[in-house]
Amino acid sequence: MTLDPSLKHPDYLDYLPVWQKCGDAIAGQRAIKARGKLYLPELIGHEKESNDAYLERASFFNATGRTVEGYVGMAMRKPLTLKGPEAILGWRDDITLTDESLDDLAADCIRETLRSRPGVLVDMEVSTGPLTAAQAAALQLRPYLTLYKAESIINWERARINGAYRLKNVFLQESYADDDGKLKVQIRQLSMNSGQYEQIVWREAVGKSWVEYSRVTPLKNGGPIMEIPFYPISADKPTIEVGPPPIEDLVDVNIAHYRNSADLENGVHISGLPTAVIIGYQQPDNAGPIALGTSTALVIPDMGATVEFLQVGSEGFSSIEKAMDRKEQHMAALGARMVAPEKKQAETAETASIRRGGENSVLAALVGVVSRQLTKAVTFAADWMGYETKDILVELNKDLVPWNVTFDDLAKAWSLVQQSAFSKDVFGGLLAYAEIVPDDFNYEEDQEKVVEAGPIVLPPSEA
């Protein structure tokens, strides 16, 4: 039986529309409107011109995109921590060999995991011959990380391999340029064959059949690789299995809000402008069109004729406006807090922490998974190069919401230092945690600088 590498996993087929919907909502109005009636059903009984105008008047309030970027900003407001041998620290500025930093990759991982289930592949170009370490460095022949979006991870299989339940096959859909420069599709199969890792690239031949284009068995330290170096990222755990994206509920409400907007704008356009109603006037056959305007007088011979104006007031659309208001509040509750008006009343730090707890717990779990999977990926890459791996760590910022420390808080903490409740170094750590001083702040070293600088001399006051 010939393998068809283009087959899609059933879960992939189920969730592909969801991932695309979430991606469109993040992208904003242009992407939403480009889908036409997928997100905005056409008006029944209306011609194409009317439906086009209906779509054009609609307005998409991009709460989803703002929320996602807000969450990414919260997680990346401090640079991530990279620990390990000196040799890998230089990878940080270009972890993908496409001039993308490890911080950039981490931000993309968070952004994609909020809407789907991406994965990171560790790969390396194979040398055609033996090279020295200096030659390899000059040619940038080292492992690199590549992020694959969920739409590109079309199929997967897990099995018991080498005593552990691991990935056995992963099929990645990619594009390549043929000899004429045209972009075409290929499938990269990451496979465990007889207990060792290999890559197979499939391309379509004449007649739409798939043929094997290349097969590579990467080696590590001269021996076979015993696992597939592909690290999937889900919102709550490191797994290839898919589930509802964290922002799906928000996206559904956002699109419903968009549909309300279309109805409101269409109704205002049709009924919001005054419409003349003429009662009891028989227009002569040879008369021209009736002109309206402040500079035109309309003379009606029939004494019983009347002219009135019909206009729908704002109260005519109040139900739609209220529905939109409720959806905006619902979006705020689902995580779009930054697009909702701030509370007017004072709010204690404890109350604010509780109010944001649900949001932060989802983001904190996601950030933890990203940290864990990137640590695995960088560790594998370092081991591939023969470096020491025991102390390698990639850790993203966990302080998602800045602590609103007050001078009163600092005064109380300093009082505890004076009472020998804790050391000055702990106080310095407190200042760093509150982001008043840098993370590497050292109280004793800072005091030495204060002594060296001497007292501050104020200029004499003017007479």
Protein backbone atom coordinates (compact mmCIF):
# COMPACT_ATOMS: atom_id res chain seq x y z
CA MET A 1 0.00 0.00 0.00
CA THR A 2 1.44 3.37 -1.05
CA LEU A 3 1.68 5.94 1.72
CA ASP A 4 -0.31 9.13 1.20
CA PRO A 5 1.59 11.74 3.25
CA SER A 6 -1.08 14.37 2.59
CA LEU A 7 -3.71 12.58 4.71
CA LYS A 8 -5.05 14.77 7.52
CA HIS A 9 -5.55 13.69 11.13
CA PRO A 10 -9.26 13.65 12.12
CA ASP A 11 -8.58 16.15 14.91
CA TYR A 12 -6.81 18.39 12.42
CA LEU A 13 -9.88 18.44 10.20
CA ASP A 14 -12.13 19.19 13.19
CA TYR A 15 -10.05 22.08 14.49
CA LEU A 16 -8.74 23.64 11.27
CA PRO A 17 -11.83 25.92 10.89
CA VAL A 18 -11.47 26.92 14.56
CA TRP A 19 -7.80 27.85 14.16
CA GLN A 20 -8.57 29.83 11.01
CA LYS A 21 -11.46 31.62 12.72
CA CYS A 22 -9.26 32.60 15.67
CA GLY A 23 -6.49 33.71 13.31
CA ASP A 24 -8.89 35.88 11.31
CA ALA A 25 -10.20 37.52 14.48
CA ILE A 26 -6.67 38.30 15.62
CA ALA A 27 -5.76 39.71 12.20
CA GLY A 28 -8.73 42.09 12.37
CA GLN A 29 -11.32 43.66 10.12
CA ARG A 30 -9.57 43.11 6.79
CA ALA A 31 -9.29 39.34 7.35
CA ILE A 32 -12.82 39.07 8.76
CA LYS A 33 -14.41 40.92 5.83
CA ALA A 34 -12.36 38.96 3.30
CA ARG A 35 -14.24 35.83 4.42
CA GLY A 36 -17.53 37.47 3.40
CA LYS A 37 -20.62 35.52 4.38
CA LEU A 38 -18.62 33.03 6.48
CA TYR A 39 -18.80 35.48 9.37
CA LEU A 40 -21.61 37.76 8.12
CA PRO A 41 -24.58 35.92 6.57
CA GLU A 42 -26.12 37.71 3.60
CA LEU A 43 -29.49 39.45 3.82
CA ILE A 44 -32.23 37.14 2.57
CA GLY A 45 -33.91 38.29 -0.62
CA HIS A 46 -31.37 41.02 -1.39
CA GLU A 47 -29.23 41.40 -4.48
CA LYS A 48 -25.43 41.26 -4.49
CA GLU A 49 -25.11 45.05 -4.52
CA SER A 50 -27.15 45.36 -1.32
CA ASN A 51 -25.23 42.57 0.40
CA ASP A 52 -21.90 44.12 -0.61
CA ALA A 53 -23.01 47.42 0.93
CA TYR A 54 -24.19 45.55 4.04
CA LEU A 55 -20.74 44.01 4.42
CA GLU A 56 -18.98 47.31 3.75
CA ARG A 57 -20.92 49.17 6.48
CA ALA A 58 -20.15 46.55 9.16
CA SER A 59 -17.39 47.34 11.63
CA PHE A 60 -15.25 44.72 13.37
CA PHE A 61 -14.17 45.84 16.84
CA ASN A 62 -10.91 43.92 17.22
CA ALA A 63 -11.04 43.00 20.89
CA THR A 64 -9.43 39.65 20.12
CA GLY A 65 -6.30 41.05 18.50
CA ARG A 66 -5.82 43.57 21.29
CA THR A 67 -6.25 40.89 23.91
CA VAL A 68 -3.74 38.53 22.32
CA GLU A 69 -1.13 41.24 21.88
CA GLY A 70 -1.80 42.38 25.44
CA TYR A 71 -1.16 38.87 26.74
CA VAL A 72 2.02 38.53 24.67
CA GLY A 73 3.17 41.88 26.01
CA MET A 74 2.50 40.79 29.60
CA ALA A 75 4.53 37.61 29.15
CA MET A 76 7.38 39.30 27.28
CA ARG A 77 7.56 42.56 29.25
CA LYS A 78 10.78 41.17 30.74
CA PRO A 79 13.41 39.35 28.65
CA LEU A 80 13.37 35.58 29.05
CA THR A 81 16.14 33.83 30.95
CA LEU A 82 18.58 31.64 29.02
CA LYS A 83 21.07 29.59 31.01
CA GLY A 84 23.61 27.09 29.74
CA PRO A 85 27.14 26.76 28.44
CA GLU A 86 28.75 29.85 26.95
CA ALA A 87 28.67 28.30 23.49
CA ILE A 88 24.86 28.38 23.25
CA LEU A 89 24.31 31.84 24.74
CA GLY A 90 25.28 33.37 21.42
CA TRP A 91 22.42 31.50 19.75
CA ARG A 92 19.95 33.73 21.53
CA ASP A 93 20.14 36.54 18.97
CA ASP A 94 19.49 34.18 16.03
CA ILE A 95 17.95 30.94 17.27
CA THR A 96 16.25 30.21 13.92
CA LEU A 97 19.17 31.12 11.59
CA THR A 98 16.72 33.54 9.97
CA ASP A 99 17.74 36.50 12.15
CA GLU A 100 14.99 35.78 14.68
CA SER A 101 15.91 35.87 18.35
CA LEU A 102 14.89 33.38 21.02
CA ASP A 103 12.70 36.12 22.55
CA ASP A 104 10.98 36.64 19.19
CA LEU A 105 10.39 32.91 18.85
CA ALA A 106 8.98 32.70 22.39
CA ALA A 107 6.56 35.56 21.66
CA ASP A 108 5.40 33.80 18.48
CA CYS A 109 4.92 30.57 20.44
CA ILE A 110 2.64 32.36 22.93
CA ARG A 111 0.70 34.11 20.16
CA GLU A 112 0.13 30.88 18.23
CA THR A 113 -0.73 28.79 21.30
CA LEU A 114 -3.44 31.25 22.29
CA ARG A 115 -5.25 30.41 19.03
CA SER A 116 -4.09 26.86 18.22
CA ARG A 117 -1.46 24.17 18.89
CA PRO A 118 1.90 24.91 17.23
CA GLY A 119 5.17 23.01 17.49
CA VAL A 120 8.92 23.65 17.41
CA LEU A 121 11.29 21.52 15.31
CA VAL A 122 15.03 21.29 15.99
CA ASP A 123 16.91 20.73 12.75
CA MET A 124 20.39 21.17 11.27
CA GLU A 125 21.83 21.30 7.77
CA VAL A 126 23.87 18.22 6.99
CA SER A 127 27.51 18.82 5.99
CA THR A 128 28.78 17.22 2.80
CA GLY A 129 32.11 16.44 4.43
CA PRO A 130 34.13 16.68 7.67
CA LEU A 131 34.56 20.19 9.02
CA THR A 132 36.47 21.75 11.87
CA ALA A 133 34.56 23.57 14.62
CA ALA A 134 35.70 26.91 13.18
CA GLN A 135 34.52 25.97 9.68
CA ALA A 136 31.17 24.80 11.00
CA ALA A 137 30.74 28.07 12.92
CA ALA A 138 31.64 30.14 9.85
CA LEU A 139 29.07 28.26 7.78
CA GLN A 140 26.54 28.43 10.65
CA LEU A 141 26.24 24.66 10.62
CA ARG A 142 24.53 24.33 13.94
CA PRO A 143 21.05 23.30 15.10
CA TYR A 144 18.27 25.81 14.72
CA LEU A 145 14.65 26.04 15.87
CA THR A 146 11.67 26.41 13.52
CA LEU A 147 8.11 27.18 14.62
CA TYR A 148 5.37 25.34 12.73
CA LYS A 149 1.84 26.69 12.97
CA ALA A 150 -1.00 24.29 13.69
CA GLU A 151 -2.21 24.48 10.08
CA SER A 152 1.13 23.01 8.95
CA ILE A 153 1.05 20.03 11.35
CA ILE A 154 -1.37 17.95 9.28
CA ASN A 155 -0.96 14.49 10.82
CA TRP A 156 0.74 12.71 13.71
CA GLU A 157 1.05 9.34 15.36
CA ARG A 158 2.24 8.28 18.80
CA ALA A 159 3.51 4.86 19.89
CA ARG A 160 5.65 3.09 22.47
CA ILE A 161 9.25 3.62 21.32
CA ASN A 162 12.43 2.76 23.22
CA GLY A 163 10.40 2.20 26.37
CA ALA A 164 8.49 5.52 26.25
CA TYR A 165 5.23 6.72 24.65
CA ARG A 166 6.49 9.15 22.05
CA LEU A 167 5.88 10.63 18.62
CA LYS A 168 6.30 8.02 15.90
CA ASN A 169 5.34 10.14 12.88
CA VAL A 170 4.72 13.84 12.31
CA PHE A 171 3.73 15.20 8.89
CA LEU A 172 4.52 18.87 8.23
CA GLN A 173 3.12 20.71 5.22
CA GLU A 174 5.60 23.19 3.72
CA SER A 175 6.12 25.21 0.56
CA TYR A 176 9.10 25.24 -1.77
CA ALA A 177 10.03 26.97 -5.03
CA ASP A 178 10.36 24.76 -8.10
CA ASP A 179 12.83 25.31 -10.94
CA ASP A 180 10.55 27.98 -12.43
CA GLY A 181 10.27 29.83 -9.11
CA LYS A 182 6.67 28.78 -8.52
CA LEU A 183 5.65 27.92 -4.96
CA LYS A 184 4.49 24.35 -4.49
CA VAL A 185 3.56 22.12 -1.56
CA GLN A 186 5.72 19.42 -0.03
CA ILE A 187 5.28 17.21 3.03
CA ARG A 188 8.12 16.70 5.50
CA GLN A 189 7.69 13.45 7.41
CA LEU A 190 9.47 13.17 10.76
CA SER A 191 9.58 9.46 11.46
CA MET A 192 10.95 6.87 13.85
CA ASN A 193 12.14 3.94 11.73
CA SER A 194 13.53 0.89 13.52
CA GLY A 195 14.03 2.96 16.64
CA GLN A 196 15.92 5.85 15.05
CA TYR A 197 14.92 9.24 13.66
CA GLU A 198 14.77 10.08 9.97
CA GLN A 199 13.29 12.76 7.73
CA ILE A 200 11.49 12.06 4.45
CA VAL A 201 10.41 14.81 2.06
CA TRP A 202 7.48 14.04 -0.25
CA ARG A 203 6.57 16.00 -3.37
CA GLU A 204 3.75 15.69 -5.86
CA ALA A 205 4.56 14.16 -9.22
CA VAL A 206 2.60 14.18 -12.48
CA GLY A 207 -0.90 12.87 -11.86
CA LYS A 208 -1.04 14.25 -8.32
CA SER A 209 0.68 11.23 -6.78
CA TRP A 210 3.23 11.69 -4.00
CA VAL A 211 6.80 10.47 -4.47
CA GLU A 212 9.74 10.39 -2.11
CA TYR A 213 12.01 13.32 -2.94
CA SER A 214 14.67 12.84 -0.25
CA ARG A 215 15.41 10.79 2.85
CA VAL A 216 17.90 11.77 5.55
CA THR A 217 18.91 9.97 8.75
CA PRO A 218 20.44 12.66 11.01
CA LEU A 219 23.21 11.57 13.35
CA LYS A 220 24.12 12.92 16.77
CA ASN A 221 27.66 12.39 18.04
CA GLY A 222 28.10 9.84 15.27
CA GLY A 223 25.13 7.72 16.34
CA PRO A 224 21.41 7.57 15.58
CA ILE A 225 18.92 9.95 17.15
CA MET A 226 16.48 8.06 19.34
CA GLU A 227 13.58 10.54 19.31
CA ILE A 228 11.84 13.02 17.03
CA PRO A 229 13.07 16.50 18.03
CA PHE A 230 9.66 18.08 17.60
CA TYR A 231 8.08 19.83 20.58
CA PRO A 232 4.33 20.61 20.36
CA ILE A 233 2.87 23.35 22.55
CA SER A 234 -0.68 23.29 23.91
CA ALA A 235 -2.18 25.85 26.25
CA ASP A 236 -2.04 23.74 29.40
CA LYS A 237 0.44 20.91 28.71
CA PRO A 238 3.15 19.84 26.27
CA THR A 239 1.17 17.51 24.01
CA ILE A 240 0.50 16.95 20.32
CA GLU A 241 -3.20 16.42 21.07
CA VAL A 242 -5.46 19.35 20.22
CA GLY A 243 -8.20 21.05 22.20
CA PRO A 244 -10.22 24.27 22.23
CA PRO A 245 -7.97 27.36 21.94
CA PRO A 246 -7.98 29.67 25.00
CA ILE A 247 -9.40 32.56 22.96
CA GLU A 248 -12.16 30.65 21.13
CA ASP A 249 -15.01 31.88 23.35
CA LEU A 250 -13.76 35.45 23.04
CA VAL A 251 -13.60 35.11 19.25
CA ASP A 252 -17.20 33.83 19.05
CA VAL A 253 -18.50 36.80 21.01
CA ASN A 254 -16.34 39.18 18.97
CA ILE A 255 -17.84 37.88 15.71
CA ALA A 256 -21.37 38.07 17.14
CA HIS A 257 -20.63 41.70 18.05
CA TYR A 258 -19.52 42.24 14.43
CA ARG A 259 -22.86 40.93 13.15
CA ASN A 260 -24.73 43.28 15.49
CA SER A 261 -22.63 46.11 14.10
CA ALA A 262 -23.65 45.20 10.55
CA ASP A 263 -27.36 45.27 11.48
CA LEU A 264 -26.99 48.56 13.34
CA GLU A 265 -25.05 50.33 10.58
CA ASN A 266 -27.38 49.00 7.90
CA GLY A 267 -30.45 50.07 9.84
CA VAL A 268 -29.06 53.54 10.46
CA HIS A 269 -28.26 53.92 6.77
CA ILE A 270 -31.72 52.83 5.62
CA SER A 271 -33.92 54.37 8.28
CA GLY A 272 -31.80 56.91 10.09
CA LEU A 273 -32.06 59.67 7.47
CA PRO A 274 -35.34 61.64 7.19
CA THR A 275 -37.67 60.32 4.46
CA ALA A 276 -40.30 62.58 2.90
CA VAL A 277 -43.91 61.33 3.01
CA ILE A 278 -46.41 63.28 0.84
CA ILE A 279 -50.08 62.61 1.48
CA GLY A 280 -52.96 63.77 -0.81
CA TYR A 281 -50.88 65.20 -3.66
CA GLN A 282 -51.42 64.03 -7.25
CA GLN A 283 -48.34 64.91 -9.28
CA PRO A 284 -49.07 66.12 -12.86
CA ASP A 285 -47.91 63.91 -15.70
CA ASN A 286 -45.54 66.55 -17.09
CA ALA A 287 -44.05 67.45 -13.70
CA GLY A 288 -40.39 66.79 -13.00
CA PRO A 289 -39.03 65.13 -9.88
CA ILE A 290 -39.92 66.68 -6.55
CA ALA A 291 -36.90 68.54 -5.20
CA LEU A 292 -36.18 68.68 -1.48
CA GLY A 293 -33.96 71.19 0.30
CA THR A 294 -34.01 74.44 2.18
CA SER A 295 -33.58 76.51 -1.03
CA THR A 296 -36.52 74.87 -2.80
CA ALA A 297 -40.21 75.65 -2.24
CA LEU A 298 -42.67 72.85 -2.88
CA VAL A 299 -46.11 74.26 -3.88
CA ILE A 300 -49.04 71.85 -3.56
CA PRO A 301 -52.35 73.04 -5.16
CA ASP A 302 -54.50 70.61 -3.20
CA MET A 303 -55.38 72.32 0.07
CA GLY A 304 -55.75 68.93 1.73
CA ALA A 305 -52.27 67.72 0.88
CA THR A 306 -49.66 67.50 3.61
CA VAL A 307 -45.93 66.88 3.67
CA GLU A 308 -44.27 65.11 6.60
CA PHE A 309 -40.93 63.55 7.33
CA LEU A 310 -40.45 59.99 8.51
CA GLN A 311 -37.34 59.33 10.58
CA VAL A 312 -36.34 56.52 12.91
CA GLY A 313 -34.91 57.94 16.09
CA SER A 314 -32.06 56.50 18.12
CA GLU A 315 -34.53 54.58 20.26
CA GLY A 316 -35.33 52.47 17.19
CA PHE A 317 -31.95 50.76 17.46
CA SER A 318 -31.60 50.65 21.22
CA SER A 319 -32.06 46.88 21.37
CA ILE A 320 -29.13 46.32 19.00
CA GLU A 321 -26.98 48.84 20.85
CA LYS A 322 -27.75 47.17 24.17
CA ALA A 323 -26.86 43.78 22.70
CA MET A 324 -23.53 45.18 21.54
CA ASP A 325 -22.87 46.68 24.97
CA ARG A 326 -23.56 43.33 26.63
CA LYS A 327 -21.18 41.59 24.25
CA GLU A 328 -18.44 44.12 24.99
CA GLN A 329 -18.89 43.42 28.69
CA HIS A 330 -18.83 39.69 27.96
CA MET A 331 -15.58 40.08 26.00
CA ALA A 332 -14.08 41.96 28.92
CA ALA A 333 -15.02 39.11 31.23
CA LEU A 334 -13.48 36.59 28.83
CA GLY A 335 -10.12 38.32 28.83
CA ALA A 336 -10.34 41.54 26.86
CA ARG A 337 -9.95 43.70 29.95
CA MET A 338 -7.72 46.23 28.20
CA VAL A 339 -10.52 47.20 25.80
CA ALA A 340 -13.07 47.85 28.55
CA PRO A 341 -13.36 51.14 30.46
CA GLU A 342 -11.40 51.18 33.69
CA LYS A 343 -13.39 51.10 36.90
CA LYS A 344 -13.98 54.57 38.28
CA GLN A 345 -13.88 53.55 41.92
CA ALA A 346 -10.68 52.83 43.79
CA GLU A 347 -9.54 49.23 43.74
CA THR A 348 -7.14 47.64 46.20
CA ALA A 349 -4.18 45.63 44.94
CA GLU A 350 -5.67 42.47 46.45
CA THR A 351 -9.02 43.01 44.69
CA ALA A 352 -7.27 43.69 41.38
CA SER A 353 -5.18 40.54 41.80
CA ILE A 354 -8.29 38.43 42.40
CA ARG A 355 -10.11 40.02 39.46
CA ARG A 356 -7.22 39.20 37.14
CA GLY A 357 -6.52 35.79 38.62
CA GLY A 358 -8.54 33.83 36.07
CA GLU A 359 -6.82 35.51 33.14
CA ASN A 360 -3.36 35.16 34.63
CA SER A 361 -3.84 31.50 35.47
CA VAL A 362 -4.50 30.65 31.81
CA LEU A 363 -1.58 32.75 30.62
CA ALA A 364 0.70 31.51 33.40
CA ALA A 365 0.04 27.88 32.45
CA LEU A 366 0.65 28.64 28.78
CA VAL A 367 3.89 30.51 29.55
CA GLY A 368 5.02 27.54 31.65
CA VAL A 369 4.46 25.12 28.76
CA VAL A 370 6.33 27.38 26.32
CA SER A 371 9.25 27.61 28.76
CA ARG A 372 9.33 23.86 29.20
CA GLN A 373 9.22 23.02 25.50
CA LEU A 374 11.79 25.64 24.51
CA THR A 375 14.08 24.32 27.23
CA LYS A 376 13.74 20.83 25.74
CA ALA A 377 14.41 22.15 22.22
CA VAL A 378 17.50 24.16 23.19
CA THR A 379 18.78 21.25 25.30
CA PHE A 380 18.44 18.88 22.35
CA ALA A 381 20.21 21.39 20.07
CA ALA A 382 23.09 21.77 22.54
CA ASP A 383 23.41 18.01 22.96
CA TRP A 384 23.47 17.66 19.17
CA MET A 385 26.59 19.85 19.18
CA GLY A 386 28.13 17.85 22.03
CA TYR A 387 27.78 20.59 24.67
CA GLU A 388 27.01 20.09 28.35
CA THR A 389 23.25 20.19 28.89
CA LYS A 390 22.51 19.66 32.59
CA ASP A 391 22.12 23.37 33.46
CA ILE A 392 20.29 24.55 30.33
CA LEU A 393 17.15 26.55 31.06
CA VAL A 394 14.79 28.71 29.01
CA GLU A 395 12.38 30.50 31.32
CA LEU A 396 9.88 33.17 30.37
CA ASN A 397 8.77 35.96 32.66
CA LYS A 398 6.34 34.77 35.33
CA ASP A 399 5.58 38.22 36.80
CA LEU A 400 2.73 38.89 34.41
CA VAL A 401 1.24 41.87 36.27
CA PRO A 402 3.59 44.50 37.74
CA TRP A 403 3.36 44.91 41.49
CA ASN A 404 2.03 48.36 42.31
CA VAL A 405 4.43 49.00 45.23
CA THR A 406 3.98 52.22 47.24
CA PHE A 407 6.43 54.24 49.30
CA ASP A 408 4.50 53.11 52.35
CA ASP A 409 5.25 49.49 51.39
CA LEU A 410 8.95 50.32 51.07
CA ALA A 411 8.98 52.17 54.37
CA LYS A 412 7.47 49.16 56.15
CA ALA A 413 9.96 46.82 54.49
CA TRP A 414 12.90 49.05 55.49
CA SER A 415 11.59 49.11 59.04
CA LEU A 416 11.75 45.32 59.08
CA VAL A 417 15.35 45.47 57.86
CA GLN A 418 16.21 47.82 60.74
CA GLN A 419 14.57 45.35 63.12
CA SER A 420 16.79 42.60 61.65
CA ALA A 421 13.73 40.75 60.37
CA PHE A 422 15.59 40.21 57.09
CA SER A 423 18.78 41.39 55.38
CA LYS A 424 19.50 44.37 53.18
CA ASP A 425 20.04 41.96 50.28
CA VAL A 426 16.45 40.79 50.68
CA PHE A 427 15.35 44.43 50.61
CA GLY A 428 17.34 44.88 47.39
CA GLY A 429 15.57 41.84 45.98
CA LEU A 430 12.26 43.42 46.94
CA LEU A 431 13.20 46.57 45.03
CA ALA A 432 14.10 44.45 42.00
CA TYR A 433 10.84 42.49 42.20
CA ALA A 434 8.92 45.77 42.33
CA GLU A 435 10.89 46.84 39.22
CA ILE A 436 12.28 49.90 40.94
CA VAL A 437 15.86 48.71 40.31
CA PRO A 438 17.32 46.24 37.76
CA ASP A 439 17.02 42.49 38.36
CA ASP A 440 20.77 42.20 39.00
CA PHE A 441 20.69 44.90 41.68
CA ASN A 442 23.03 44.27 44.65
CA TYR A 443 22.48 46.40 47.73
CA GLU A 444 26.07 46.22 49.05
CA GLU A 445 27.59 47.08 45.66
CA ASP A 446 25.18 49.97 45.31
CA GLN A 447 26.19 51.33 48.71
CA GLU A 448 29.83 51.27 47.63
CA LYS A 449 28.92 53.41 44.63
CA VAL A 450 27.05 55.81 46.94
CA VAL A 451 30.17 56.20 49.14
CA GLU A 452 32.39 56.73 46.10
CA ALA A 453 30.07 59.39 44.72
CA GLY A 454 30.08 61.32 48.00
CA PRO A 455 27.37 63.60 49.31
CA ILE A 456 25.15 65.49 46.90
CA VAL A 457 25.96 69.20 46.96
CA LEU A 458 23.02 71.40 46.15
CA PRO A 459 23.65 74.72 44.34
CA PRO A 460 23.24 77.84 46.51
CA SER A 461 19.78 79.37 46.35
CA GLU A 462 19.39 82.62 44.49
CA ALA A 463 19.11 85.76 46.59
